[in-house]
């Protein structure tokens, strides 16, 4: 099998026993993440689209843990919250435009594989990243116990494709809207 330069590990060392480990959450990063996440429900309410909140949370859950590899500026929750605020300031936003904006975010361009199994790559729609990297939640923070087994790399396009990701978001939105209408009818 030929080695592709983009598939090579992103570290260089002479230590044969070196185990790559992503950086941990910093207090600043965690504070940014919590602050931005608290803004999201208010932003959706202001946009008149509160049914998007559970959809976005399900979307973010698919990628949780990836930010540990990308750093605080690559955190999908922080970047997504900022983009959501920008969209709200632009005026009315269609569901399709919001789905497009979410898929445009940088975190959708990443994939991962396990060092010991190059044929098994992570697909965010089939498996949450935290599960892929053997994540464990403690006090709200995610610890990736299998992080040293995972190699993350950036692609030049969303993975899976843009159409598939947008369809996933739109399907979840329709389900959330139907659930919201069902709750209104019961009251």
Protein backbone atom coordinates (compact mmCIF):
# COMPACT_ATOMS: atom_id res chain seq x y z
CA UNK A 1 0.00 0.00 0.00
CA UNK A 2 1.45 3.36 -1.03
CA UNK A 3 1.71 5.99 1.68
CA UNK A 4 -0.04 9.26 1.00
CA UNK A 5 1.68 12.22 2.68
CA UNK A 6 -1.60 13.51 4.12
CA UNK A 7 -2.11 10.18 5.88
CA UNK A 8 1.15 10.28 7.77
CA UNK A 9 1.06 11.12 11.48
CA UNK A 10 1.43 14.84 12.19
CA UNK A 11 4.24 14.43 14.70
CA UNK A 12 7.97 13.89 14.30
CA UNK A 13 10.03 12.13 16.94
CA UNK A 14 12.99 9.80 17.29
CA UNK A 15 11.36 8.12 20.30
CA UNK A 16 10.00 4.75 19.18
CA UNK A 17 7.81 4.60 22.32
CA UNK A 18 6.17 7.99 21.69
CA UNK A 19 2.38 7.91 21.99
CA UNK A 20 0.64 10.89 20.36
CA UNK A 21 -1.83 12.61 22.67
CA UNK A 22 -4.06 15.53 21.82
CA UNK A 23 -3.90 18.58 24.08
CA UNK A 24 -6.40 18.71 26.98
CA UNK A 25 -9.11 21.31 27.37
CA UNK A 26 -7.79 24.56 28.82
CA UNK A 27 -9.82 26.66 31.25
CA UNK A 28 -10.06 29.42 28.64
CA UNK A 29 -11.29 27.04 25.97
CA UNK A 30 -13.85 25.47 28.30
CA UNK A 31 -15.08 28.94 29.33
CA UNK A 32 -15.51 29.98 25.69
CA UNK A 33 -17.35 26.77 24.93
CA UNK A 34 -19.81 27.15 27.81
CA UNK A 35 -20.39 30.87 27.15
CA UNK A 36 -21.13 30.36 23.47
CA UNK A 37 -23.31 27.33 24.08
CA UNK A 38 -25.46 29.38 26.49
CA UNK A 39 -26.10 31.89 23.69
CA UNK A 40 -27.53 29.34 21.24
CA UNK A 41 -31.08 28.88 22.63
CA UNK A 42 -31.54 32.66 22.85
CA UNK A 43 -30.30 33.07 19.29
CA UNK A 44 -32.71 30.43 17.98
CA UNK A 45 -35.57 32.03 19.91
CA UNK A 46 -34.72 35.43 18.40
CA UNK A 47 -34.66 33.81 14.95
CA UNK A 48 -38.09 32.27 15.58
CA UNK A 49 -36.63 28.78 15.16
CA UNK A 50 -36.44 27.18 18.62
CA UNK A 51 -36.93 23.71 17.10
CA UNK A 52 -33.35 23.97 15.78
CA UNK A 53 -31.87 23.73 19.30
CA UNK A 54 -32.15 19.92 19.67
CA UNK A 55 -31.05 19.45 16.06
CA UNK A 56 -27.92 21.51 16.62
CA UNK A 57 -27.20 19.69 19.87
CA UNK A 58 -27.47 16.32 18.10
CA UNK A 59 -25.19 17.67 15.34
CA UNK A 60 -22.59 18.88 17.81
CA UNK A 61 -22.72 15.59 19.73
CA UNK A 62 -21.53 13.84 16.55
CA UNK A 63 -18.31 15.88 16.61
CA UNK A 64 -17.62 16.23 20.35
CA UNK A 65 -14.00 15.40 21.09
CA UNK A 66 -12.67 16.50 17.72
CA UNK A 67 -11.97 19.97 19.16
CA UNK A 68 -9.34 18.42 21.43
CA UNK A 69 -7.29 17.72 18.30
CA UNK A 70 -8.10 21.01 16.56
CA UNK A 71 -7.70 23.40 19.49
CA UNK A 72 -10.10 26.01 20.80
CA UNK A 73 -10.22 27.92 17.51
CA UNK A 74 -11.40 24.75 15.77
CA UNK A 75 -14.07 23.90 18.34
CA UNK A 76 -17.29 23.16 16.46
CA UNK A 77 -19.47 24.42 19.31
CA UNK A 78 -17.65 27.74 19.55
CA UNK A 79 -17.41 28.28 15.79
CA UNK A 80 -20.99 27.11 15.25
CA UNK A 81 -22.30 29.47 17.92
CA UNK A 82 -20.43 32.39 16.38
CA UNK A 83 -21.74 31.56 12.90
CA UNK A 84 -25.27 31.23 14.25
CA UNK A 85 -25.06 34.72 15.78
CA UNK A 86 -23.79 36.12 12.47
CA UNK A 87 -26.69 34.53 10.61
CA UNK A 88 -29.19 35.92 13.12
CA UNK A 89 -27.79 39.42 12.59
CA UNK A 90 -28.15 39.07 8.81
CA UNK A 91 -31.91 38.74 9.16
CA UNK A 92 -34.36 35.91 8.44
CA UNK A 93 -32.62 32.62 7.73
CA UNK A 94 -34.17 29.67 5.94
CA UNK A 95 -33.67 26.18 7.29
CA UNK A 96 -31.74 25.31 4.14
CA UNK A 97 -29.39 28.27 4.60
CA UNK A 98 -28.75 27.32 8.20
CA UNK A 99 -27.98 23.72 7.22
CA UNK A 100 -25.58 24.99 4.53
CA UNK A 101 -23.86 27.27 7.04
CA UNK A 102 -23.41 24.43 9.53
CA UNK A 103 -21.93 22.15 6.88
CA UNK A 104 -19.59 24.96 5.79
CA UNK A 105 -17.91 24.98 9.20
CA UNK A 106 -14.36 23.70 9.35
CA UNK A 107 -15.02 20.67 11.55
CA UNK A 108 -16.97 18.92 8.77
CA UNK A 109 -13.74 18.70 6.75
CA UNK A 110 -12.08 16.27 9.16
CA UNK A 111 -11.93 12.55 9.25
CA UNK A 112 -10.09 10.16 11.52
CA UNK A 113 -8.75 6.68 11.52
CA UNK A 114 -7.29 4.43 14.11
CA UNK A 115 -3.58 3.82 13.95
CA UNK A 116 -3.98 0.07 14.26
CA UNK A 117 -6.78 -0.15 11.66
CA UNK A 118 -6.23 2.13 8.68
CA UNK A 119 -9.30 0.73 6.94
CA UNK A 120 -11.69 1.88 9.69
CA UNK A 121 -12.36 5.58 9.27
CA UNK A 122 -14.72 7.68 11.33
CA UNK A 123 -18.03 8.72 9.81
CA UNK A 124 -19.83 11.29 12.02
CA UNK A 125 -23.26 10.11 10.91
CA UNK A 126 -22.56 6.50 11.91
CA UNK A 127 -20.56 7.04 15.10
CA UNK A 128 -19.95 9.99 17.40
CA UNK A 129 -16.30 11.02 17.46
CA UNK A 130 -16.22 10.60 21.23
CA UNK A 131 -17.22 6.96 20.82
CA UNK A 132 -14.68 6.48 18.03
CA UNK A 133 -11.91 7.82 20.29
CA UNK A 134 -13.26 6.00 23.35
CA UNK A 135 -14.50 9.10 25.12
CA UNK A 136 -15.67 9.23 28.71
CA UNK A 137 -17.59 12.20 30.17
CA UNK A 138 -16.65 13.34 33.65
CA UNK A 139 -18.13 16.53 35.15
CA UNK A 140 -19.36 17.60 31.72
CA UNK A 141 -15.92 17.37 30.15
CA UNK A 142 -14.97 14.72 27.65
CA UNK A 143 -11.86 12.66 28.22
CA UNK A 144 -10.68 10.73 25.18
CA UNK A 145 -9.14 7.61 26.66
CA UNK A 146 -8.35 6.20 23.22
CA UNK A 147 -7.04 9.47 21.79
CA UNK A 148 -3.58 8.07 21.24
CA UNK A 149 -5.13 5.46 18.92
CA UNK A 150 -6.68 8.03 16.60
CA UNK A 151 -5.14 10.03 13.77
CA UNK A 152 -7.17 13.07 12.64
CA UNK A 153 -6.68 14.71 9.28
CA UNK A 154 -8.26 17.53 7.31
CA UNK A 155 -9.87 16.98 3.92
CA UNK A 156 -10.51 19.56 1.22
CA UNK A 157 -14.28 19.00 1.41
CA UNK A 158 -16.88 17.95 3.98
CA UNK A 159 -16.95 14.30 4.99
CA UNK A 160 -19.36 12.70 4.24
CA UNK A 161 -20.43 14.83 1.30
CA UNK A 162 -22.10 18.21 1.69
CA UNK A 163 -25.40 16.84 0.36
CA UNK A 164 -25.44 13.97 2.84
CA UNK A 165 -24.65 16.21 5.81
CA UNK A 166 -27.27 18.80 4.82
CA UNK A 167 -29.85 16.03 4.34
CA UNK A 168 -29.06 14.67 7.81
CA UNK A 169 -29.62 18.11 9.35
CA UNK A 170 -32.83 18.76 7.42
CA UNK A 171 -34.25 15.34 8.33
CA UNK A 172 -33.58 16.02 12.02
CA UNK A 173 -35.21 19.45 11.70
CA UNK A 174 -38.37 17.98 10.17
CA UNK A 175 -38.51 15.43 12.99
CA UNK A 176 -38.05 18.21 15.60
CA UNK A 177 -40.78 20.31 13.98
CA UNK A 178 -43.18 17.35 13.96
CA UNK A 179 -42.36 16.64 17.61
CA UNK A 180 -43.01 20.31 18.49
CA UNK A 181 -46.38 20.26 16.70
CA UNK A 182 -47.30 17.04 18.52
CA UNK A 183 -46.55 18.67 21.87
CA UNK A 184 -48.66 21.71 20.94
CA UNK A 185 -51.59 19.47 20.00
CA UNK A 186 -51.43 17.68 23.36
CA UNK A 187 -51.64 20.90 25.40
